[in-house]
Amino acid sequence: MNINQLMKQAQVMQKKMQEAQEQIEQMEVTGTSGGGMVSIVMNGKGAAKSIKIDPKVIDATDKEMLEDLIVAAINDAKAKSEEESGKKMSDLTGGLNLPAGFKMPF
């Protein structure tokens, strides 16, 4: 393989990376807690887009429970976002043998 072929492959990979990043940013995941009483919608970059709270969990005498449910829903959404992003990037890198823990984009 010559240098021109390598450069073309690098350009194709760069374009695919940009497309994957755009898809990830547009992706939406929903994290929930309390059996769905609290839900958070987050994009693939981890930015929260909306939150829904069932009025049944709003109790002025137990605000700690609501705070815990919100944190749990955020963590659930973040984990789902990371999983989906990882799948997209894995699809992109296909046969590349990347070291464990290696994250793309750089």
PDB file of N, CA and C in Angstrom:
ATOM      1  N   MET A   1       0.858  -1.185   0.000  1.00  0.00           N
ATOM      2  CA  MET A   1       0.000   0.000   0.000  1.00  0.00           C
ATOM      3  C   MET A   1       0.896   1.238   0.000  1.00  0.00           C
ATOM      4  N   ASN A   2       0.597   2.173  -0.893  1.00  0.00           N
ATOM      5  CA  ASN A   2       1.431   3.370  -0.949  1.00  0.00           C
ATOM      6  C   ASN A   2       0.828   4.498  -0.120  1.00  0.00           C
ATOM      7  N   ILE A   3       1.548   5.579  -0.019  1.00  0.00           N
ATOM      8  CA  ILE A   3       1.154   6.702   0.837  1.00  0.00           C
ATOM      9  C   ILE A   3      -0.138   7.352   0.347  1.00  0.00           C
ATOM     10  N   ASN A   4      -0.353   7.394  -0.973  1.00  0.00           N
ATOM     11  CA  ASN A   4      -1.586   7.989  -1.508  1.00  0.00           C
ATOM     12  C   ASN A   4      -2.815   7.193  -1.071  1.00  0.00           C
ATOM     13  N   GLN A   5      -2.701   5.878  -1.075  1.00  0.00           N
ATOM     14  CA  GLN A   5      -3.817   5.040  -0.629  1.00  0.00           C
ATOM     15  C   GLN A   5      -4.095   5.258   0.855  1.00  0.00           C
ATOM     16  N   LEU A   6      -3.021   5.361   1.630  1.00  0.00           N
ATOM     17  CA  LEU A   6      -3.182   5.616   3.063  1.00  0.00           C
ATOM     18  C   LEU A   6      -3.860   6.956   3.318  1.00  0.00           C
ATOM     19  N   MET A   7      -3.477   7.974   2.565  1.00  0.00           N
ATOM     20  CA  MET A   7      -4.075   9.302   2.727  1.00  0.00           C
ATOM     21  C   MET A   7      -5.563   9.279   2.368  1.00  0.00           C
ATOM     22  N   LYS A   8      -5.915   8.556   1.293  1.00  0.00           N
ATOM     23  CA  LYS A   8      -7.317   8.452   0.908  1.00  0.00           C
ATOM     24  C   LYS A   8      -8.120   7.729   1.985  1.00  0.00           C
ATOM     25  N   GLN A   9      -7.548   6.664   2.535  1.00  0.00           N
ATOM     26  CA  GLN A   9      -8.223   5.932   3.599  1.00  0.00           C
ATOM     27  C   GLN A   9      -8.405   6.809   4.830  1.00  0.00           C
ATOM     28  N   ALA A  10      -7.401   7.621   5.136  1.00  0.00           N
ATOM     29  CA  ALA A  10      -7.490   8.520   6.287  1.00  0.00           C
ATOM     30  C   ALA A  10      -8.588   9.562   6.073  1.00  0.00           C
ATOM     31  N   GLN A  11      -8.715  10.064   4.863  1.00  0.00           N
ATOM     32  CA  GLN A  11      -9.756  11.047   4.567  1.00  0.00           C
ATOM     33  C   GLN A  11     -11.147  10.425   4.683  1.00  0.00           C
ATOM     34  N   VAL A  12     -11.287   9.201   4.180  1.00  0.00           N
ATOM     35  CA  VAL A  12     -12.572   8.506   4.280  1.00  0.00           C
ATOM     36  C   VAL A  12     -12.921   8.280   5.748  1.00  0.00           C
ATOM     37  N   MET A  13     -11.942   7.843   6.540  1.00  0.00           N
ATOM     38  CA  MET A  13     -12.158   7.601   7.960  1.00  0.00           C
ATOM     39  C   MET A  13     -12.525   8.900   8.671  1.00  0.00           C
ATOM     40  N   GLN A  14     -11.874   9.998   8.325  1.00  0.00           N
ATOM     41  CA  GLN A  14     -12.180  11.277   8.947  1.00  0.00           C
ATOM     42  C   GLN A  14     -13.618  11.695   8.632  1.00  0.00           C
ATOM     43  N   LYS A  15     -14.043  11.510   7.386  1.00  0.00           N
ATOM     44  CA  LYS A  15     -15.419  11.860   7.009  1.00  0.00           C
ATOM     45  C   LYS A  15     -16.411  10.989   7.773  1.00  0.00           C
ATOM     46  N   LYS A  16     -16.124   9.703   7.891  1.00  0.00           N
ATOM     47  CA  LYS A  16     -17.005   8.800   8.636  1.00  0.00           C
ATOM     48  C   LYS A  16     -17.071   9.197  10.111  1.00  0.00           C
ATOM     49  N   MET A  17     -15.944   9.629  10.652  1.00  0.00           N
ATOM     50  CA  MET A  17     -15.907  10.075  12.058  1.00  0.00           C
ATOM     51  C   MET A  17     -16.810  11.289  12.249  1.00  0.00           C
ATOM     52  N   GLN A  18     -16.740  12.240  11.340  1.00  0.00           N
ATOM     53  CA  GLN A  18     -17.577  13.435  11.436  1.00  0.00           C
ATOM     54  C   GLN A  18     -19.053  13.055  11.357  1.00  0.00           C
ATOM     55  N   GLU A  19     -19.385  12.164  10.429  1.00  0.00           N
ATOM     56  CA  GLU A  19     -20.774  11.729  10.285  1.00  0.00           C
ATOM     57  C   GLU A  19     -21.251  11.026  11.552  1.00  0.00           C
ATOM     58  N   ALA A  20     -20.397  10.168  12.118  1.00  0.00           N
ATOM     59  CA  ALA A  20     -20.769   9.456  13.340  1.00  0.00           C
ATOM     60  C   ALA A  20     -20.978  10.437  14.486  1.00  0.00           C
ATOM     61  N   GLN A  21     -20.117  11.435  14.599  1.00  0.00           N
ATOM     62  CA  GLN A  21     -20.261  12.428  15.661  1.00  0.00           C
ATOM     63  C   GLN A  21     -21.560  13.207  15.509  1.00  0.00           C
ATOM     64  N   GLU A  22     -21.924  13.544  14.270  1.00  0.00           N
ATOM     65  CA  GLU A  22     -23.178  14.249  14.034  1.00  0.00           C
ATOM     66  C   GLU A  22     -24.375  13.370  14.409  1.00  0.00           C
ATOM     67  N   GLN A  23     -24.305  12.095  14.059  1.00  0.00           N
ATOM     68  CA  GLN A  23     -25.374  11.161  14.414  1.00  0.00           C
ATOM     69  C   GLN A  23     -25.487  11.014  15.930  1.00  0.00           C
ATOM     70  N   ILE A  24     -24.355  10.942  16.591  1.00  0.00           N
ATOM     71  CA  ILE A  24     -24.351  10.807  18.053  1.00  0.00           C
ATOM     72  C   ILE A  24     -24.971  12.041  18.697  1.00  0.00           C
ATOM     73  N   GLU A  25     -24.621  13.210  18.190  1.00  0.00           N
ATOM     74  CA  GLU A  25     -25.164  14.440  18.776  1.00  0.00           C
ATOM     75  C   GLU A  25     -26.680  14.519  18.590  1.00  0.00           C
ATOM     76  N   GLN A  26     -27.191  14.022  17.473  1.00  0.00           N
ATOM     77  CA  GLN A  26     -28.627  14.058  17.190  1.00  0.00           C
ATOM     78  C   GLN A  26     -29.401  12.975  17.940  1.00  0.00           C
ATOM     79  N   MET A  27     -28.700  11.952  18.386  1.00  0.00           N
ATOM     80  CA  MET A  27     -29.320  10.824  19.080  1.00  0.00           C
ATOM     81  C   MET A  27     -29.945  11.296  20.397  1.00  0.00           C
ATOM     82  N   GLU A  28     -31.058  10.687  20.757  1.00  0.00           N
ATOM     83  CA  GLU A  28     -31.685  10.977  22.050  1.00  0.00           C
ATOM     84  C   GLU A  28     -31.851   9.682  22.830  1.00  0.00           C
ATOM     85  N   VAL A  29     -31.545   9.740  24.114  1.00  0.00           N
ATOM     86  CA  VAL A  29     -31.758   8.603  25.008  1.00  0.00           C
ATOM     87  C   VAL A  29     -32.572   9.095  26.197  1.00  0.00           C
ATOM     88  N   THR A  30     -33.320   8.174  26.784  1.00  0.00           N
ATOM     89  CA  THR A  30     -34.122   8.522  27.951  1.00  0.00           C
ATOM     90  C   THR A  30     -33.679   7.678  29.127  1.00  0.00           C
ATOM     91  N   GLY A  31     -33.317   8.337  30.199  1.00  0.00           N
ATOM     92  CA  GLY A  31     -32.982   7.665  31.444  1.00  0.00           C
ATOM     93  C   GLY A  31     -34.151   7.803  32.397  1.00  0.00           C
ATOM     94  N   THR A  32     -34.405   6.736  33.143  1.00  0.00           N
ATOM     95  CA  THR A  32     -35.533   6.773  34.070  1.00  0.00           C
ATOM     96  C   THR A  32     -35.118   6.280  35.444  1.00  0.00           C
ATOM     97  N   SER A  33     -35.954   6.604  36.413  1.00  0.00           N
ATOM     98  CA  SER A  33     -35.778   6.078  37.770  1.00  0.00           C
ATOM     99  C   SER A  33     -37.147   6.053  38.431  1.00  0.00           C
ATOM    100  N   GLY A  34     -37.210   5.350  39.534  1.00  0.00           N
ATOM    101  CA  GLY A  34     -38.461   5.267  40.280  1.00  0.00           C
ATOM    102  C   GLY A  34     -39.577   4.632  39.468  1.00  0.00           C
ATOM    103  N   GLY A  35     -39.214   3.629  38.682  1.00  0.00           N
ATOM    104  CA  GLY A  35     -40.227   2.966  37.868  1.00  0.00           C
ATOM    105  C   GLY A  35     -40.838   3.884  36.826  1.00  0.00           C
ATOM    106  N   GLY A  36     -40.039   4.832  36.336  1.00  0.00           N
ATOM    107  CA  GLY A  36     -40.516   5.760  35.309  1.00  0.00           C
ATOM    108  C   GLY A  36     -41.113   7.035  35.865  1.00  0.00           C
ATOM    109  N   MET A  37     -41.040   7.222  37.178  1.00  0.00           N
ATOM    110  CA  MET A  37     -41.620   8.423  37.779  1.00  0.00           C
ATOM    111  C   MET A  37     -40.790   9.671  37.473  1.00  0.00           C
ATOM    112  N   VAL A  38     -39.494   9.462  37.197  1.00  0.00           N
ATOM    113  CA  VAL A  38     -38.632  10.555  36.768  1.00  0.00           C
ATOM    114  C   VAL A  38     -37.957  10.095  35.485  1.00  0.00           C
ATOM    115  N   SER A  39     -37.996  10.954  34.463  1.00  0.00           N
ATOM    116  CA  SER A  39     -37.313  10.621  33.219  1.00  0.00           C
ATOM    117  C   SER A  39     -36.559  11.841  32.699  1.00  0.00           C
ATOM    118  N   ILE A  40     -35.399  11.560  32.142  1.00  0.00           N
ATOM    119  CA  ILE A  40     -34.522  12.597  31.601  1.00  0.00           C
ATOM    120  C   ILE A  40     -34.222  12.221  30.158  1.00  0.00           C
ATOM    121  N   VAL A  41     -34.391  13.159  29.238  1.00  0.00           N
ATOM    122  CA  VAL A  41     -33.996  12.954  27.845  1.00  0.00           C
ATOM    123  C   VAL A  41     -32.680  13.689  27.658  1.00  0.00           C
ATOM    124  N   MET A  42     -31.711  12.968  27.073  1.00  0.00           N
ATOM    125  CA  MET A  42     -30.369  13.500  26.905  1.00  0.00           C
ATOM    126  C   MET A  42     -29.922  13.222  25.471  1.00  0.00           C
ATOM    127  N   ASN A  43     -29.114  14.110  24.898  1.00  0.00           N
ATOM    128  CA  ASN A  43     -28.575  13.818  23.576  1.00  0.00           C
ATOM    129  C   ASN A  43     -27.314  12.962  23.717  1.00  0.00           C
ATOM    130  N   GLY A  44     -26.768  12.544  22.592  1.00  0.00           N
ATOM    131  CA  GLY A  44     -25.607  11.664  22.594  1.00  0.00           C
ATOM    132  C   GLY A  44     -24.346  12.295  23.158  1.00  0.00           C
ATOM    133  N   LYS A  45     -24.322  13.596  23.267  1.00  0.00           N
ATOM    134  CA  LYS A  45     -23.169  14.287  23.852  1.00  0.00           C
ATOM    135  C   LYS A  45     -23.307  14.465  25.359  1.00  0.00           C
ATOM    136  N   GLY A  46     -24.439  14.018  25.909  1.00  0.00           N
ATOM    137  CA  GLY A  46     -24.624  14.093  27.352  1.00  0.00           C
ATOM    138  C   GLY A  46     -25.327  15.345  27.828  1.00  0.00           C
ATOM    139  N   ALA A  47     -25.865  16.147  26.908  1.00  0.00           N
ATOM    140  CA  ALA A  47     -26.590  17.355  27.304  1.00  0.00           C
ATOM    141  C   ALA A  47     -28.054  16.997  27.567  1.00  0.00           C
ATOM    142  N   ALA A  48     -28.553  17.400  28.724  1.00  0.00           N
ATOM    143  CA  ALA A  48     -29.951  17.150  29.063  1.00  0.00           C
ATOM    144  C   ALA A  48     -30.839  18.025  28.192  1.00  0.00           C
ATOM    145  N   LYS A  49     -31.918  17.422  27.676  1.00  0.00           N
ATOM    146  CA  LYS A  49     -32.851  18.151  26.827  1.00  0.00           C
ATOM    147  C   LYS A  49     -34.176  18.391  27.537  1.00  0.00           C
ATOM    148  N   SER A  50     -34.596  17.433  28.377  1.00  0.00           N
ATOM    149  CA  SER A  50     -35.847  17.621  29.113  1.00  0.00           C
ATOM    150  C   SER A  50     -35.887  16.699  30.319  1.00  0.00           C
ATOM    151  N   ILE A  51     -36.750  17.055  31.242  1.00  0.00           N
ATOM    152  CA  ILE A  51     -36.966  16.243  32.436  1.00  0.00           C
ATOM    153  C   ILE A  51     -38.471  16.203  32.701  1.00  0.00           C
ATOM    154  N   LYS A  52     -38.944  15.036  33.075  1.00  0.00           N
ATOM    155  CA  LYS A  52     -40.352  14.884  33.451  1.00  0.00           C
ATOM    156  C   LYS A  52     -40.391  14.238  34.832  1.00  0.00           C
ATOM    157  N   ILE A  53     -41.222  14.812  35.697  1.00  0.00           N
ATOM    158  CA  ILE A  53     -41.357  14.318  37.065  1.00  0.00           C
ATOM    159  C   ILE A  53     -42.837  14.080  37.336  1.00  0.00           C
ATOM    160  N   ASP A  54     -43.157  12.866  37.713  1.00  0.00           N
ATOM    161  CA  ASP A  54     -44.537  12.526  38.076  1.00  0.00           C
ATOM    162  C   ASP A  54     -44.875  13.278  39.364  1.00  0.00           C
ATOM    163  N   PRO A  55     -45.986  13.983  39.390  1.00  0.00           N
ATOM    164  CA  PRO A  55     -46.353  14.756  40.581  1.00  0.00           C
ATOM    165  C   PRO A  55     -46.427  13.915  41.860  1.00  0.00           C
ATOM    166  N   LYS A  56     -46.635  12.609  41.721  1.00  0.00           N
ATOM    167  CA  LYS A  56     -46.729  11.746  42.908  1.00  0.00           C
ATOM    168  C   LYS A  56     -45.438  11.705  43.712  1.00  0.00           C
ATOM    169  N   VAL A  57     -44.296  12.012  43.079  1.00  0.00           N
ATOM    170  CA  VAL A  57     -43.029  11.954  43.826  1.00  0.00           C
ATOM    171  C   VAL A  57     -42.608  13.309  44.371  1.00  0.00           C
ATOM    172  N   ILE A  58     -43.429  14.316  44.172  1.00  0.00           N
ATOM    173  CA  ILE A  58     -43.113  15.645  44.704  1.00  0.00           C
ATOM    174  C   ILE A  58     -43.715  15.747  46.100  1.00  0.00           C
ATOM    175  N   ASP A  59     -42.846  15.692  47.071  1.00  0.00           N
ATOM    176  CA  ASP A  59     -43.256  15.708  48.468  1.00  0.00           C
ATOM    177  C   ASP A  59     -42.300  16.645  49.209  1.00  0.00           C
ATOM    178  N   ALA A  60     -42.811  17.764  49.662  1.00  0.00           N
ATOM    179  CA  ALA A  60     -41.976  18.765  50.327  1.00  0.00           C
ATOM    180  C   ALA A  60     -41.292  18.218  51.573  1.00  0.00           C
ATOM    181  N   THR A  61     -41.846  17.167  52.170  1.00  0.00           N
ATOM    182  CA  THR A  61     -41.236  16.615  53.378  1.00  0.00           C
ATOM    183  C   THR A  61     -40.149  15.585  53.052  1.00  0.00           C
ATOM    184  N   ASP A  62     -40.010  15.215  51.768  1.00  0.00           N
ATOM    185  CA  ASP A  62     -39.000  14.215  51.390  1.00  0.00           C
ATOM    186  C   ASP A  62     -38.317  14.615  50.087  1.00  0.00           C
ATOM    187  N   LYS A  63     -37.732  15.815  50.081  1.00  0.00           N
ATOM    188  CA  LYS A  63     -37.084  16.301  48.870  1.00  0.00           C
ATOM    189  C   LYS A  63     -35.858  15.477  48.513  1.00  0.00           C
ATOM    190  N   GLU A  64     -35.235  14.828  49.514  1.00  0.00           N
ATOM    191  CA  GLU A  64     -34.058  14.003  49.245  1.00  0.00           C
ATOM    192  C   GLU A  64     -34.391  12.843  48.305  1.00  0.00           C
ATOM    193  N   MET A  65     -35.584  12.269  48.454  1.00  0.00           N
ATOM    194  CA  MET A  65     -35.973  11.173  47.577  1.00  0.00           C
ATOM    195  C   MET A  65     -36.058  11.661  46.134  1.00  0.00           C
ATOM    196  N   LEU A  66     -36.665  12.814  45.912  1.00  0.00           N
ATOM    197  CA  LEU A  66     -36.779  13.365  44.566  1.00  0.00           C
ATOM    198  C   LEU A  66     -35.390  13.680  43.999  1.00  0.00           C
ATOM    199  N   GLU A  67     -34.531  14.247  44.819  1.00  0.00           N
ATOM    200  CA  GLU A  67     -33.164  14.534  44.373  1.00  0.00           C
ATOM    201  C   GLU A  67     -32.453  13.249  43.952  1.00  0.00           C
ATOM    202  N   ASP A  68     -32.610  12.189  44.758  1.00  0.00           N
ATOM    203  CA  ASP A  68     -31.992  10.903  44.429  1.00  0.00           C
ATOM    204  C   ASP A  68     -32.546  10.333  43.121  1.00  0.00           C
ATOM    205  N   LEU A  69     -33.861  10.467  42.916  1.00  0.00           N
ATOM    206  CA  LEU A  69     -34.478   9.966  41.689  1.00  0.00           C
ATOM    207  C   LEU A  69     -33.973  10.729  40.465  1.00  0.00           C
ATOM    208  N   ILE A  70     -33.776  12.023  40.602  1.00  0.00           N
ATOM    209  CA  ILE A  70     -33.262  12.835  39.489  1.00  0.00           C
ATOM    210  C   ILE A  70     -31.835  12.410  39.160  1.00  0.00           C
ATOM    211  N   VAL A  71     -31.006  12.256  40.177  1.00  0.00           N
ATOM    212  CA  VAL A  71     -29.621  11.832  39.953  1.00  0.00           C
ATOM    213  C   VAL A  71     -29.592  10.456  39.292  1.00  0.00           C
ATOM    214  N   ALA A  72     -30.425   9.538  39.761  1.00  0.00           N
ATOM    215  CA  ALA A  72     -30.462   8.193  39.190  1.00  0.00           C
ATOM    216  C   ALA A  72     -30.901   8.230  37.726  1.00  0.00           C
ATOM    217  N   ALA A  73     -31.869   9.067  37.393  1.00  0.00           N
ATOM    218  CA  ALA A  73     -32.333   9.178  36.006  1.00  0.00           C
ATOM    219  C   ALA A  73     -31.247   9.771  35.114  1.00  0.00           C
ATOM    220  N   ILE A  74     -30.528  10.762  35.615  1.00  0.00           N
ATOM    221  CA  ILE A  74     -29.410  11.349  34.863  1.00  0.00           C
ATOM    222  C   ILE A  74     -28.348  10.288  34.607  1.00  0.00           C
ATOM    223  N   ASN A  75     -27.988   9.537  35.639  1.00  0.00           N
ATOM    224  CA  ASN A  75     -26.970   8.502  35.475  1.00  0.00           C
ATOM    225  C   ASN A  75     -27.414   7.418  34.505  1.00  0.00           C
ATOM    226  N   ASP A  76     -28.694   7.066  34.537  1.00  0.00           N
ATOM    227  CA  ASP A  76     -29.228   6.075  33.613  1.00  0.00           C
ATOM    228  C   ASP A  76     -29.145   6.591  32.175  1.00  0.00           C
ATOM    229  N   ALA A  77     -29.532   7.844  31.951  1.00  0.00           N
ATOM    230  CA  ALA A  77     -29.465   8.426  30.613  1.00  0.00           C
ATOM    231  C   ALA A  77     -28.022   8.512  30.130  1.00  0.00           C
ATOM    232  N   LYS A  78     -27.116   8.903  31.009  1.00  0.00           N
ATOM    233  CA  LYS A  78     -25.700   9.011  30.628  1.00  0.00           C
ATOM    234  C   LYS A  78     -25.146   7.655  30.236  1.00  0.00           C
ATOM    235  N   ALA A  79     -25.465   6.624  30.994  1.00  0.00           N
ATOM    236  CA  ALA A  79     -24.988   5.271  30.675  1.00  0.00           C
ATOM    237  C   ALA A  79     -25.541   4.817  29.324  1.00  0.00           C
ATOM    238  N   LYS A  80     -26.817   5.084  29.069  1.00  0.00           N
ATOM    239  CA  LYS A  80     -27.414   4.703  27.784  1.00  0.00           C
ATOM    240  C   LYS A  80     -26.777   5.485  26.643  1.00  0.00           C
ATOM    241  N   SER A  81     -26.501   6.767  26.867  1.00  0.00           N
ATOM    242  CA  SER A  81     -25.868   7.594  25.848  1.00  0.00           C
ATOM    243  C   SER A  81     -24.475   7.071  25.515  1.00  0.00           C
ATOM    244  N   GLU A  82     -23.710   6.735  26.550  1.00  0.00           N
ATOM    245  CA  GLU A  82     -22.361   6.208  26.327  1.00  0.00           C
ATOM    246  C   GLU A  82     -22.407   4.866  25.601  1.00  0.00           C
ATOM    247  N   GLU A  83     -23.376   4.033  25.947  1.00  0.00           N
ATOM    248  CA  GLU A  83     -23.511   2.728  25.294  1.00  0.00           C
ATOM    249  C   GLU A  83     -23.836   2.898  23.811  1.00  0.00           C
ATOM    250  N   GLU A  84     -24.800   3.765  23.516  1.00  0.00           N
ATOM    251  CA  GLU A  84     -25.189   3.988  22.123  1.00  0.00           C
ATOM    252  C   GLU A  84     -24.058   4.638  21.329  1.00  0.00           C
ATOM    253  N   SER A  85     -23.362   5.590  21.940  1.00  0.00           N
ATOM    254  CA  SER A  85     -22.227   6.232  21.272  1.00  0.00           C
ATOM    255  C   SER A  85     -21.138   5.216  20.997  1.00  0.00           C
ATOM    256  N   GLY A  86     -20.889   4.354  21.961  1.00  0.00           N
ATOM    257  CA  GLY A  86     -19.882   3.305  21.789  1.00  0.00           C
ATOM    258  C   GLY A  86     -20.230   2.370  20.651  1.00  0.00           C
ATOM    259  N   LYS A  87     -21.509   2.035  20.513  1.00  0.00           N
ATOM    260  CA  LYS A  87     -21.949   1.170  19.414  1.00  0.00           C
ATOM    261  C   LYS A  87     -21.692   1.843  18.068  1.00  0.00           C
ATOM    262  N   LYS A  88     -22.037   3.132  17.974  1.00  0.00           N
ATOM    263  CA  LYS A  88     -21.827   3.850  16.713  1.00  0.00           C
ATOM    264  C   LYS A  88     -20.346   3.899  16.360  1.00  0.00           C
ATOM    265  N   MET A  89     -19.521   4.184  17.342  1.00  0.00           N
ATOM    266  CA  MET A  89     -18.090   4.273  17.078  1.00  0.00           C
ATOM    267  C   MET A  89     -17.512   2.892  16.764  1.00  0.00           C
ATOM    268  N   SER A  90     -18.029   1.866  17.399  1.00  0.00           N
ATOM    269  CA  SER A  90     -17.579   0.507  17.129  1.00  0.00           C
ATOM    270  C   SER A  90     -17.927   0.111  15.698  1.00  0.00           C
ATOM    271  N   ASP A  91     -19.119   0.489  15.260  1.00  0.00           N
ATOM    272  CA  ASP A  91     -19.514   0.218  13.881  1.00  0.00           C
ATOM    273  C   ASP A  91     -18.565   0.908  12.916  1.00  0.00           C
ATOM    274  N   LEU A  92     -18.157   2.111  13.273  1.00  0.00           N
ATOM    275  CA  LEU A  92     -17.261   2.881  12.416  1.00  0.00           C
ATOM    276  C   LEU A  92     -15.876   2.254  12.347  1.00  0.00           C
ATOM    277  N   THR A  93     -15.341   1.862  13.489  1.00  0.00           N
ATOM    278  CA  THR A  93     -13.967   1.356  13.520  1.00  0.00           C
ATOM    279  C   THR A  93     -13.884  -0.101  13.110  1.00  0.00           C
ATOM    280  N   GLY A  94     -15.030  -0.780  13.039  1.00  0.00           N
ATOM    281  CA  GLY A  94     -15.106  -2.135  12.522  1.00  0.00           C
ATOM    282  C   GLY A  94     -13.937  -3.025  12.849  1.00  0.00           C
ATOM    283  N   GLY A  95     -13.092  -3.267  11.884  1.00  0.00           N
ATOM    284  CA  GLY A  95     -12.002  -4.225  12.040  1.00  0.00           C
ATOM    285  C   GLY A  95     -10.734  -3.671  12.666  1.00  0.00           C
ATOM    286  N   LEU A  96     -10.763  -2.422  13.083  1.00  0.00           N
ATOM    287  CA  LEU A  96      -9.544  -1.874  13.701  1.00  0.00           C
ATOM    288  C   LEU A  96      -9.342  -2.474  15.084  1.00  0.00           C
ATOM    289  N   ASN A  97      -8.135  -2.867  15.370  1.00  0.00           N
ATOM    290  CA  ASN A  97      -7.818  -3.399  16.695  1.00  0.00           C
ATOM    291  C   ASN A  97      -7.287  -2.267  17.564  1.00  0.00           C
ATOM    292  N   LEU A  98      -8.223  -1.560  18.180  1.00  0.00           N
ATOM    293  CA  LEU A  98      -7.838  -0.435  19.034  1.00  0.00           C
ATOM    294  C   LEU A  98      -7.580  -0.940  20.441  1.00  0.00           C
ATOM    295  N   PRO A  99      -6.617  -0.331  21.134  1.00  0.00           N
ATOM    296  CA  PRO A  99      -6.327  -0.765  22.504  1.00  0.00           C
ATOM    297  C   PRO A  99      -7.514  -0.548  23.437  1.00  0.00           C
ATOM    298  N   ALA A 100      -7.610  -1.365  24.455  1.00  0.00           N
ATOM    299  CA  ALA A 100      -8.689  -1.235  25.441  1.00  0.00           C
ATOM    300  C   ALA A 100      -8.659   0.162  26.045  1.00  0.00           C
ATOM    301  N   GLY A 101      -9.821   0.766  26.181  1.00  0.00           N
ATOM    302  CA  GLY A 101      -9.897   2.104  26.770  1.00  0.00           C
ATOM    303  C   GLY A 101      -9.679   3.219  25.777  1.00  0.00           C
ATOM    304  N   PHE A 102      -9.326   2.869  24.542  1.00  0.00           N
ATOM    305  CA  PHE A 102      -9.088   3.880  23.517  1.00  0.00           C
ATOM    306  C   PHE A 102     -10.416   4.476  23.105  1.00  0.00           C
ATOM    307  N   LYS A 103     -10.537   5.789  23.167  1.00  0.00           N
ATOM    308  CA  LYS A 103     -11.794   6.448  22.828  1.00  0.00           C
ATOM    309  C   LYS A 103     -11.609   7.307  21.590  1.00  0.00           C
ATOM    310  N   MET A 104     -12.615   7.238  20.747  1.00  0.00           N
ATOM    311  CA  MET A 104     -12.620   8.097  19.585  1.00  0.00           C
ATOM    312  C   MET A 104     -13.852   8.964  19.689  1.00  0.00           C
ATOM    313  N   PRO A 105     -13.849  10.193  19.222  1.00  0.00           N
ATOM    314  CA  PRO A 105     -12.711  10.875  18.641  1.00  0.00           C
ATOM    315  C   PRO A 105     -11.695  11.228  19.700  1.00  0.00           C
ATOM    316  N   PHE A 106     -10.553  11.563  19.250  1.00  0.00           N
ATOM    317  CA  PHE A 106      -9.389  11.751  20.125  1.00  0.00           C
ATOM    318  C   PHE A 106      -9.557  12.888  21.069  1.00  0.00           C
TER     319      PHE A 106
END
